[in-house]
C-alpha cells in the first residue's frame, strides 16, 4: 500500500489543535509533527545525540594517584603522592598486612 502525505495548515489555541480538513481525507490514524524550540524541552527530557552517547560510553582509565588527586575517595592519614601504579600499590599493601599478621602469630 502506498502512503502519500499532505500538508494541512492549522493552529493551536488553549491546548487544542484546530485544522480544516479537505473533503477527500479518509478516516484513520494520523501522526502530528510540531516544531518545538530545543530550549523549551527540559534538558533531562531531550533525546541523546550520537556524539554525546559516544563520549559518555568512552572508558578512560585513571591511576589511583589521579583518583585521589581529584578527591574522589578519602585520603585519610596516608600519603598518596608517590602512588603511580595502583596494582603495585595494592600488592605492597597486602604484603605489609601479611607481614603484620605474621608478627602477631610469632
N, C-alpha and C. Protein backbone atom coordinates (compact mmCIF):
# COMPACT_ATOMS: atom_id res chain seq x y z
N UNK A 1 0.84 -1.17 0.00
CA UNK A 1 0.00 0.00 0.00
C UNK A 1 0.89 1.24 0.00
N UNK A 2 0.64 2.14 -0.91
CA UNK A 2 1.39 3.37 -0.99
C UNK A 2 0.74 4.42 -0.09
N UNK A 3 1.57 5.12 0.64
CA UNK A 3 1.06 6.18 1.52
C UNK A 3 1.57 7.51 1.00
N UNK A 4 0.68 8.44 0.84
CA UNK A 4 1.04 9.80 0.46
C UNK A 4 0.70 10.73 1.61
N UNK A 5 1.46 11.78 1.73
CA UNK A 5 1.24 12.74 2.80
C UNK A 5 0.80 14.07 2.20
N UNK A 6 -0.07 14.75 2.93
CA UNK A 6 -0.45 16.10 2.53
C UNK A 6 -0.13 17.03 3.69
N UNK A 7 0.09 18.28 3.38
CA UNK A 7 0.35 19.28 4.41
C UNK A 7 -0.91 20.09 4.62
N UNK A 8 -1.32 20.18 5.86
CA UNK A 8 -2.53 20.92 6.22
C UNK A 8 -2.14 21.97 7.24
N UNK A 9 -2.53 23.19 7.03
CA UNK A 9 -2.24 24.27 7.97
C UNK A 9 -3.35 24.34 9.01
N UNK A 10 -2.97 24.73 10.20
CA UNK A 10 -3.93 24.88 11.28
C UNK A 10 -3.30 25.72 12.37
N UNK A 11 -3.91 25.68 13.56
CA UNK A 11 -3.37 26.44 14.68
C UNK A 11 -3.71 25.73 15.99
N UNK A 12 -2.93 26.06 17.01
CA UNK A 12 -3.16 25.53 18.35
C UNK A 12 -3.59 26.70 19.23
N UNK A 13 -4.70 26.50 19.94
CA UNK A 13 -5.18 27.52 20.86
C UNK A 13 -5.74 26.83 22.08
N UNK A 14 -5.28 27.24 23.25
CA UNK A 14 -5.73 26.67 24.52
C UNK A 14 -5.56 25.15 24.56
N UNK A 15 -4.45 24.67 24.00
CA UNK A 15 -4.15 23.24 24.05
C UNK A 15 -4.93 22.40 23.05
N UNK A 16 -5.66 23.02 22.13
CA UNK A 16 -6.41 22.27 21.14
C UNK A 16 -5.86 22.55 19.75
N UNK A 17 -5.77 21.50 18.94
CA UNK A 17 -5.31 21.62 17.57
C UNK A 17 -6.53 21.85 16.67
N UNK A 18 -6.52 22.95 15.95
CA UNK A 18 -7.64 23.31 15.08
C UNK A 18 -7.17 23.32 13.63
N UNK A 19 -7.80 22.45 12.81
CA UNK A 19 -7.46 22.40 11.39
C UNK A 19 -8.74 22.19 10.58
N UNK A 20 -8.69 22.58 9.34
CA UNK A 20 -9.79 22.32 8.41
C UNK A 20 -9.29 21.28 7.42
N UNK A 21 -9.91 20.10 7.42
CA UNK A 21 -9.51 19.02 6.53
C UNK A 21 -10.22 19.13 5.18
N UNK A 22 -9.50 18.76 4.11
CA UNK A 22 -10.16 18.70 2.81
C UNK A 22 -11.19 17.56 2.81
N UNK A 23 -12.13 17.60 1.90
CA UNK A 23 -13.21 16.61 1.86
C UNK A 23 -12.72 15.21 1.54
N UNK A 24 -11.62 15.07 0.79
CA UNK A 24 -11.17 13.75 0.35
C UNK A 24 -10.27 13.02 1.36
N UNK A 25 -10.11 13.54 2.56
CA UNK A 25 -9.27 12.89 3.58
C UNK A 25 -10.05 11.74 4.21
N UNK A 26 -9.42 10.53 4.19
CA UNK A 26 -10.07 9.34 4.73
C UNK A 26 -9.96 9.31 6.25
N UNK A 27 -10.89 8.59 6.87
CA UNK A 27 -10.84 8.39 8.31
C UNK A 27 -9.66 7.48 8.63
N UNK A 28 -9.08 7.64 9.79
CA UNK A 28 -7.99 6.77 10.19
C UNK A 28 -7.04 7.49 11.14
N UNK A 29 -5.98 6.79 11.43
CA UNK A 29 -4.97 7.28 12.37
C UNK A 29 -4.11 8.35 11.70
N UNK A 30 -3.67 9.34 12.47
CA UNK A 30 -2.79 10.38 11.94
C UNK A 30 -1.57 10.54 12.83
N UNK A 31 -0.56 11.17 12.29
CA UNK A 31 0.64 11.50 13.04
C UNK A 31 0.86 12.99 12.90
N UNK A 32 0.97 13.68 14.02
CA UNK A 32 1.15 15.13 14.01
C UNK A 32 2.58 15.43 14.45
N UNK A 33 3.30 16.21 13.66
CA UNK A 33 4.66 16.63 14.00
C UNK A 33 4.64 18.14 14.19
N UNK A 34 5.05 18.58 15.37
CA UNK A 34 5.07 20.00 15.68
C UNK A 34 6.49 20.48 15.91
N UNK A 35 6.85 21.63 15.39
CA UNK A 35 8.18 22.17 15.69
C UNK A 35 8.21 22.69 17.14
N UNK A 36 9.27 22.34 17.84
CA UNK A 36 9.43 22.77 19.23
C UNK A 36 10.84 23.32 19.39
N UNK A 37 10.96 24.49 19.98
CA UNK A 37 12.29 25.06 20.24
C UNK A 37 13.02 24.17 21.24
N UNK A 38 14.29 23.91 20.99
CA UNK A 38 15.07 23.00 21.83
C UNK A 38 15.10 23.46 23.29
N UNK A 39 15.18 24.77 23.52
CA UNK A 39 15.25 25.24 24.91
C UNK A 39 13.90 25.14 25.62
N UNK A 40 12.82 24.80 24.91
CA UNK A 40 11.52 24.62 25.54
C UNK A 40 11.40 23.26 26.21
N UNK A 41 12.29 22.33 25.84
CA UNK A 41 12.27 20.98 26.42
C UNK A 41 13.30 20.93 27.54
N UNK A 42 12.92 20.49 28.75
CA UNK A 42 13.90 20.38 29.83
C UNK A 42 15.06 19.47 29.41
N UNK A 43 16.28 19.76 29.85
CA UNK A 43 17.46 19.03 29.38
C UNK A 43 17.36 17.54 29.67
N UNK A 44 16.73 17.14 30.79
CA UNK A 44 16.65 15.71 31.12
C UNK A 44 15.67 14.96 30.22
N UNK A 45 14.80 15.67 29.50
CA UNK A 45 13.85 15.03 28.60
C UNK A 45 14.31 15.06 27.14
N UNK A 46 15.42 15.72 26.86
CA UNK A 46 15.91 15.80 25.48
C UNK A 46 16.54 14.47 25.08
N UNK A 47 16.37 14.08 23.83
CA UNK A 47 17.00 12.82 23.39
C UNK A 47 18.51 12.96 23.32
N UNK A 48 19.21 11.85 23.55
CA UNK A 48 20.66 11.83 23.47
C UNK A 48 21.09 11.93 22.01
N UNK A 49 22.12 12.72 21.76
CA UNK A 49 22.70 12.79 20.43
C UNK A 49 23.77 11.70 20.35
N UNK A 50 24.06 11.22 19.16
CA UNK A 50 25.02 10.12 19.00
C UNK A 50 26.40 10.47 19.53
N UNK A 51 26.86 11.70 19.30
CA UNK A 51 28.19 12.08 19.80
C UNK A 51 28.21 12.17 21.32
N UNK A 52 27.08 12.54 21.95
CA UNK A 52 27.01 12.56 23.41
C UNK A 52 27.08 11.15 23.97
N UNK A 53 26.37 10.21 23.34
CA UNK A 53 26.41 8.82 23.79
C UNK A 53 27.81 8.23 23.65
N UNK A 54 28.45 8.51 22.53
CA UNK A 54 29.80 8.01 22.29
C UNK A 54 30.76 8.54 23.35
N UNK A 55 30.67 9.83 23.64
CA UNK A 55 31.55 10.43 24.65
C UNK A 55 31.28 9.86 26.04
N UNK A 56 29.99 9.65 26.36
CA UNK A 56 29.64 9.13 27.68
C UNK A 56 30.11 7.69 27.87
N UNK A 57 30.05 6.90 26.82
CA UNK A 57 30.40 5.48 26.92
C UNK A 57 31.88 5.19 26.74
N UNK A 58 32.68 6.21 26.44
CA UNK A 58 34.11 6.01 26.26
C UNK A 58 34.78 5.86 27.62
N UNK A 59 35.49 4.75 27.80
CA UNK A 59 36.17 4.47 29.07
C UNK A 59 37.57 5.07 29.06
N UNK A 60 37.85 5.89 30.04
CA UNK A 60 39.18 6.46 30.18
C UNK A 60 39.70 6.11 31.58
N UNK A 61 40.59 5.11 31.68
CA UNK A 61 41.08 4.70 33.00
C UNK A 61 41.93 5.78 33.64
N UNK A 62 41.95 5.76 34.96
CA UNK A 62 42.76 6.71 35.72
C UNK A 62 43.59 5.94 36.74
N UNK A 63 44.75 6.48 37.06
CA UNK A 63 45.59 5.86 38.08
C UNK A 63 45.00 6.18 39.45
N UNK A 64 45.43 5.44 40.46
CA UNK A 64 44.98 5.70 41.82
C UNK A 64 45.38 7.12 42.24
N UNK A 65 46.57 7.54 41.84
CA UNK A 65 47.01 8.90 42.17
C UNK A 65 46.10 9.96 41.58
N UNK A 66 45.64 9.76 40.33
CA UNK A 66 44.72 10.71 39.70
C UNK A 66 43.38 10.74 40.40
N UNK A 67 42.91 9.57 40.82
CA UNK A 67 41.63 9.50 41.53
C UNK A 67 41.73 10.22 42.87
N UNK A 68 42.82 9.99 43.58
CA UNK A 68 43.00 10.65 44.87
C UNK A 68 43.19 12.15 44.72
N UNK A 69 43.92 12.54 43.69
CA UNK A 69 44.15 13.96 43.43
C UNK A 69 42.82 14.67 43.13
N UNK A 70 41.92 13.98 42.45
CA UNK A 70 40.62 14.56 42.12
C UNK A 70 39.69 14.58 43.33
N UNK A 71 40.08 13.90 44.41
CA UNK A 71 39.27 13.88 45.62
C UNK A 71 38.07 12.95 45.53
N UNK A 72 38.15 11.92 44.69
CA UNK A 72 37.01 11.02 44.51
C UNK A 72 36.88 10.01 45.63
N UNK A 73 37.97 9.74 46.35
CA UNK A 73 37.89 8.88 47.54
C UNK A 73 38.70 9.55 48.64
N UNK A 74 38.37 9.25 49.88
CA UNK A 74 39.04 9.89 51.01
C UNK A 74 40.50 9.52 51.11
N UNK A 75 41.32 10.48 51.52
CA UNK A 75 42.76 10.24 51.62
C UNK A 75 43.17 9.83 53.03
N UNK A 76 42.40 10.17 54.01
CA UNK A 76 42.74 9.78 55.36
C UNK A 76 44.11 10.32 55.77
N UNK A 77 44.85 9.53 56.54
CA UNK A 77 46.15 9.93 57.05
C UNK A 77 47.30 9.58 56.10
N UNK A 78 47.03 8.73 55.09
CA UNK A 78 48.10 8.23 54.24
C UNK A 78 48.61 9.29 53.27
N UNK A 79 49.88 9.11 52.87
CA UNK A 79 50.47 9.98 51.85
C UNK A 79 50.40 9.24 50.52
N UNK A 80 49.56 9.71 49.62
CA UNK A 80 49.31 9.04 48.35
C UNK A 80 50.10 9.67 47.21
N UNK A 81 50.92 10.63 47.48
CA UNK A 81 51.58 11.38 46.41
C UNK A 81 52.55 10.53 45.58
N UNK A 82 53.11 9.46 46.16
CA UNK A 82 54.09 8.65 45.43
C UNK A 82 53.46 7.43 44.74
N UNK A 83 52.13 7.30 44.76
CA UNK A 83 51.46 6.17 44.12
C UNK A 83 51.36 6.43 42.63
N UNK A 84 52.00 5.55 41.85
CA UNK A 84 51.94 5.69 40.39
C UNK A 84 51.18 4.54 39.75
N UNK A 85 51.33 3.34 40.30
CA UNK A 85 50.66 2.17 39.73
C UNK A 85 49.80 1.55 40.84
N UNK A 86 48.50 1.57 40.65
CA UNK A 86 47.60 1.10 41.70
C UNK A 86 47.77 -0.39 41.98
N UNK A 87 48.07 -1.20 40.96
CA UNK A 87 48.24 -2.64 41.17
C UNK A 87 49.45 -2.91 42.06
N UNK A 88 50.55 -2.23 41.79
CA UNK A 88 51.76 -2.39 42.61
C UNK A 88 51.48 -1.91 44.03
N UNK A 89 50.76 -0.80 44.16
CA UNK A 89 50.42 -0.27 45.48
C UNK A 89 49.62 -1.30 46.29
N UNK A 90 48.61 -1.92 45.66
CA UNK A 90 47.76 -2.89 46.35
C UNK A 90 48.57 -4.12 46.73
N UNK A 91 49.43 -4.60 45.85
CA UNK A 91 50.28 -5.75 46.17
C UNK A 91 51.17 -5.45 47.37
N UNK A 92 51.76 -4.27 47.40
CA UNK A 92 52.63 -3.87 48.51
C UNK A 92 51.83 -3.76 49.81
N UNK A 93 50.63 -3.21 49.73
CA UNK A 93 49.77 -3.09 50.90
C UNK A 93 49.42 -4.47 51.46
N UNK A 94 49.08 -5.41 50.57
CA UNK A 94 48.76 -6.78 51.01
C UNK A 94 49.99 -7.45 51.65
N UNK A 95 51.18 -7.23 51.07
CA UNK A 95 52.40 -7.81 51.62
C UNK A 95 52.64 -7.29 53.03
N UNK A 96 52.46 -5.98 53.23
CA UNK A 96 52.66 -5.39 54.55
C UNK A 96 51.65 -5.93 55.56
N UNK A 97 50.39 -6.09 55.12
CA UNK A 97 49.36 -6.63 56.02
C UNK A 97 49.68 -8.08 56.40
N UNK A 98 50.18 -8.85 55.43
CA UNK A 98 50.55 -10.24 55.72
C UNK A 98 51.69 -10.29 56.72
N UNK A 99 52.70 -9.43 56.54
CA UNK A 99 53.82 -9.37 57.48
C UNK A 99 53.33 -9.00 58.87
N UNK A 100 52.38 -8.08 58.93
CA UNK A 100 51.84 -7.66 60.22
C UNK A 100 51.10 -8.81 60.90
N UNK A 101 50.34 -9.60 60.12
CA UNK A 101 49.63 -10.75 60.69
C UNK A 101 50.61 -11.81 61.22
N UNK A 102 51.69 -12.01 60.44
CA UNK A 102 52.70 -13.00 60.87
C UNK A 102 53.34 -12.57 62.17
N UNK A 103 53.61 -11.28 62.32
CA UNK A 103 54.25 -10.80 63.55
C UNK A 103 53.34 -11.00 64.76
N UNK A 104 52.04 -11.03 64.57
CA UNK A 104 51.12 -11.26 65.69
C UNK A 104 51.10 -12.72 66.10
N UNK A 105 51.37 -13.61 65.16
CA UNK A 105 51.32 -15.03 65.48
C UNK A 105 52.64 -15.56 66.06
N UNK A 106 53.73 -14.83 65.89
CA UNK A 106 55.02 -15.29 66.40
C UNK A 106 55.14 -15.16 67.88
